[in-house]
């Protein structure tokens, strides 16, 4: 009888000790939701009838379809932002059959600091000016107001969409 009670207590103890005490069900802190590497994959015009962003959107769509990374932001936990951009190295050629845009082989890499409060991304640009843009993270999608980014061909009125790598 003592062995049976001892065995039941031992089994009960093992079952309860194997359960997890960690709170992995906590929602991701909005400020940390941006941490990771993000690749620009789409440019959405604020006005679908606007031609202002058409070229940038078409070029980005073409290069994304070819799995060419022309703009990648990496937000680190220590509030360092690494921007890898091939935008300034794009060669856009109009042909009779459409655009010819080879994937650039050279990228410029810039490092700066950032803060993110869940809706506003603030960073220091290359002119040492502090810039703030609207940015939202929903799962593996980051949307940034493209107007204020000052990225050639990708800064029209609309949203620059990034996908988590």
Protein backbone atom coordinates (compact mmCIF):
# COMPACT_ATOMS: atom_id res chain seq x y z
CA UNK A 1 0.00 0.00 0.00
CA UNK A 2 2.82 2.41 0.90
CA UNK A 3 4.50 1.66 -2.43
CA UNK A 4 1.31 2.40 -4.37
CA UNK A 5 0.80 5.76 -2.63
CA UNK A 6 4.49 6.63 -3.08
CA UNK A 7 4.33 5.67 -6.77
CA UNK A 8 1.19 7.77 -7.33
CA UNK A 9 2.82 10.75 -5.58
CA UNK A 10 5.97 10.33 -7.66
CA UNK A 11 4.02 10.17 -10.92
CA UNK A 12 1.91 13.19 -9.91
CA UNK A 13 5.06 15.13 -9.05
CA UNK A 14 6.63 14.30 -12.40
CA UNK A 15 3.53 15.35 -14.33
CA UNK A 16 3.28 18.71 -12.57
CA UNK A 17 7.01 19.40 -12.72
CA UNK A 18 7.00 18.98 -16.51
CA UNK A 19 4.45 21.71 -17.05
CA UNK A 20 5.84 25.02 -18.23
CA UNK A 21 5.86 28.01 -15.91
CA UNK A 22 6.85 30.45 -18.64
CA UNK A 23 4.32 32.92 -19.99
CA UNK A 24 4.76 32.35 -23.71
CA UNK A 25 1.16 33.44 -24.26
CA UNK A 26 2.01 37.11 -23.63
CA UNK A 27 1.34 39.25 -26.68
CA UNK A 28 4.45 40.54 -28.45
CA UNK A 29 5.41 43.96 -27.11
CA UNK A 30 4.58 46.46 -29.88
CA UNK A 31 7.96 48.13 -29.47
CA UNK A 32 9.77 44.82 -30.08
CA UNK A 33 7.49 43.66 -32.92
CA UNK A 34 9.74 45.49 -35.39
CA UNK A 35 12.90 43.62 -34.34
CA UNK A 36 14.20 41.49 -37.22
CA UNK A 37 15.07 41.78 -40.91
CA UNK A 38 12.51 43.19 -43.33
CA UNK A 39 12.66 43.15 -47.14
CA UNK A 40 10.78 45.74 -49.22
CA UNK A 41 8.35 43.80 -51.39
CA UNK A 42 5.63 46.21 -52.51
CA UNK A 43 4.81 49.88 -52.94
CA UNK A 44 1.12 50.67 -52.57
CA UNK A 45 -0.05 54.06 -53.86
CA UNK A 46 -2.32 56.03 -51.55
CA UNK A 47 -4.42 56.83 -54.62
CA UNK A 48 -4.71 53.82 -56.97
CA UNK A 49 -5.24 56.22 -59.92
CA UNK A 50 -2.00 58.09 -59.20
CA UNK A 51 0.90 57.67 -61.58
CA UNK A 52 3.29 59.19 -59.02
CA UNK A 53 4.42 55.82 -57.66
CA UNK A 54 3.81 53.64 -60.70
CA UNK A 55 7.45 53.34 -61.81
CA UNK A 56 8.74 52.55 -58.32
CA UNK A 57 5.93 50.06 -57.70
CA UNK A 58 6.54 48.34 -61.05
CA UNK A 59 10.30 48.12 -60.52
CA UNK A 60 9.91 46.80 -56.98
CA UNK A 61 7.31 44.23 -58.07
CA UNK A 62 9.55 43.00 -60.90
CA UNK A 63 12.63 42.69 -58.70
CA UNK A 64 10.68 41.04 -55.86
CA UNK A 65 9.32 38.46 -58.32
CA UNK A 66 12.93 37.71 -59.29
CA UNK A 67 13.85 37.37 -55.60
CA UNK A 68 16.14 40.40 -55.82
CA UNK A 69 16.52 42.29 -52.56
CA UNK A 70 16.89 46.00 -53.23
CA UNK A 71 16.01 47.30 -49.76
CA UNK A 72 16.37 45.47 -46.45
CA UNK A 73 15.99 47.00 -42.99
CA UNK A 74 17.32 45.10 -39.99
CA UNK A 75 16.08 46.38 -36.64
CA UNK A 76 18.16 45.04 -33.77
CA UNK A 77 17.10 44.76 -30.13
CA UNK A 78 19.83 47.24 -29.14
CA UNK A 79 18.01 49.92 -31.23
CA UNK A 80 20.49 49.78 -34.11
CA UNK A 81 19.05 49.94 -37.62
CA UNK A 82 21.04 48.50 -40.53
CA UNK A 83 19.77 49.56 -43.95
CA UNK A 84 20.98 47.66 -47.03
CA UNK A 85 19.96 49.46 -50.19
CA UNK A 86 20.62 48.87 -53.87
CA UNK A 87 18.14 51.55 -54.92
CA UNK A 88 20.85 54.00 -56.02
CA UNK A 89 22.40 51.28 -58.18
CA UNK A 90 19.26 50.50 -60.21
CA UNK A 91 19.54 50.58 -63.98
CA UNK A 92 16.09 51.04 -65.45
CA UNK A 93 15.81 50.57 -69.21
CA UNK A 94 12.59 50.96 -71.15
CA UNK A 95 12.26 48.45 -73.97
CA UNK A 96 9.57 47.71 -76.54
CA UNK A 97 8.36 44.85 -74.33
CA UNK A 98 8.43 46.73 -71.01
CA UNK A 99 11.00 47.53 -68.39
CA UNK A 100 14.38 45.89 -68.23
CA UNK A 101 15.70 46.17 -64.66
CA UNK A 102 18.62 43.91 -63.79
CA UNK A 103 19.13 43.07 -60.12
CA UNK A 104 21.85 45.39 -58.79
CA UNK A 105 24.98 43.66 -57.54
CA UNK A 106 26.17 46.50 -55.33
CA UNK A 107 24.48 47.63 -52.10
CA UNK A 108 25.08 50.51 -49.79
CA UNK A 109 24.96 49.68 -46.09
CA UNK A 110 24.14 52.34 -43.52
CA UNK A 111 23.88 51.96 -39.77
CA UNK A 112 21.92 54.28 -37.51
CA UNK A 113 19.80 54.25 -34.37
CA UNK A 114 16.03 54.03 -34.12
CA UNK A 115 13.10 53.97 -31.74
CA UNK A 116 9.68 52.45 -32.36
CA UNK A 117 6.63 53.00 -30.19
CA UNK A 118 4.21 50.72 -32.04
CA UNK A 119 3.10 53.32 -34.58
CA UNK A 120 5.94 55.82 -35.13
CA UNK A 121 9.43 54.86 -36.31
CA UNK A 122 12.06 57.48 -35.49
CA UNK A 123 15.59 57.26 -36.87
CA UNK A 124 18.60 59.44 -37.64
CA UNK A 125 19.22 59.88 -41.38
CA UNK A 126 22.53 60.31 -43.21
CA UNK A 127 22.37 64.10 -42.71
CA UNK A 128 22.17 63.48 -38.94
CA UNK A 129 18.57 64.70 -38.87
CA UNK A 130 15.96 62.89 -36.79
CA UNK A 131 13.10 61.64 -38.96
CA UNK A 132 9.78 60.16 -37.88
CA UNK A 133 7.47 58.09 -40.08
CA UNK A 134 4.28 56.14 -39.50
CA UNK A 135 5.00 52.42 -39.32
CA UNK A 136 2.86 49.45 -38.34
CA UNK A 137 3.71 45.81 -37.82
CA UNK A 138 1.04 43.17 -38.35
CA UNK A 139 2.49 39.68 -38.10
CA UNK A 140 5.17 39.38 -40.76
CA UNK A 141 4.23 42.60 -42.56
CA UNK A 142 5.71 46.01 -41.88
CA UNK A 143 4.03 49.03 -43.52
CA UNK A 144 5.91 52.34 -43.58
CA UNK A 145 4.62 55.65 -44.90
CA UNK A 146 6.75 55.94 -48.04
CA UNK A 147 6.30 59.68 -48.49
CA UNK A 148 8.77 60.65 -45.77
CA UNK A 149 11.37 57.92 -46.33
CA UNK A 150 13.29 59.88 -48.97
CA UNK A 151 14.21 56.76 -50.98
CA UNK A 152 14.44 57.48 -54.72
CA UNK A 153 11.54 55.96 -56.72
CA UNK A 154 10.05 54.49 -53.53
CA UNK A 155 8.95 57.66 -51.74
CA UNK A 156 5.63 58.51 -53.39
CA UNK A 157 2.38 58.97 -51.53
CA UNK A 158 1.56 55.53 -50.18
CA UNK A 159 2.86 52.63 -48.16
CA UNK A 160 6.13 50.77 -48.60
CA UNK A 161 5.43 47.18 -47.60
CA UNK A 162 8.13 44.98 -46.08
CA UNK A 163 8.00 41.25 -45.41
CA UNK A 164 9.87 39.68 -42.50
CA UNK A 165 12.78 37.57 -43.73
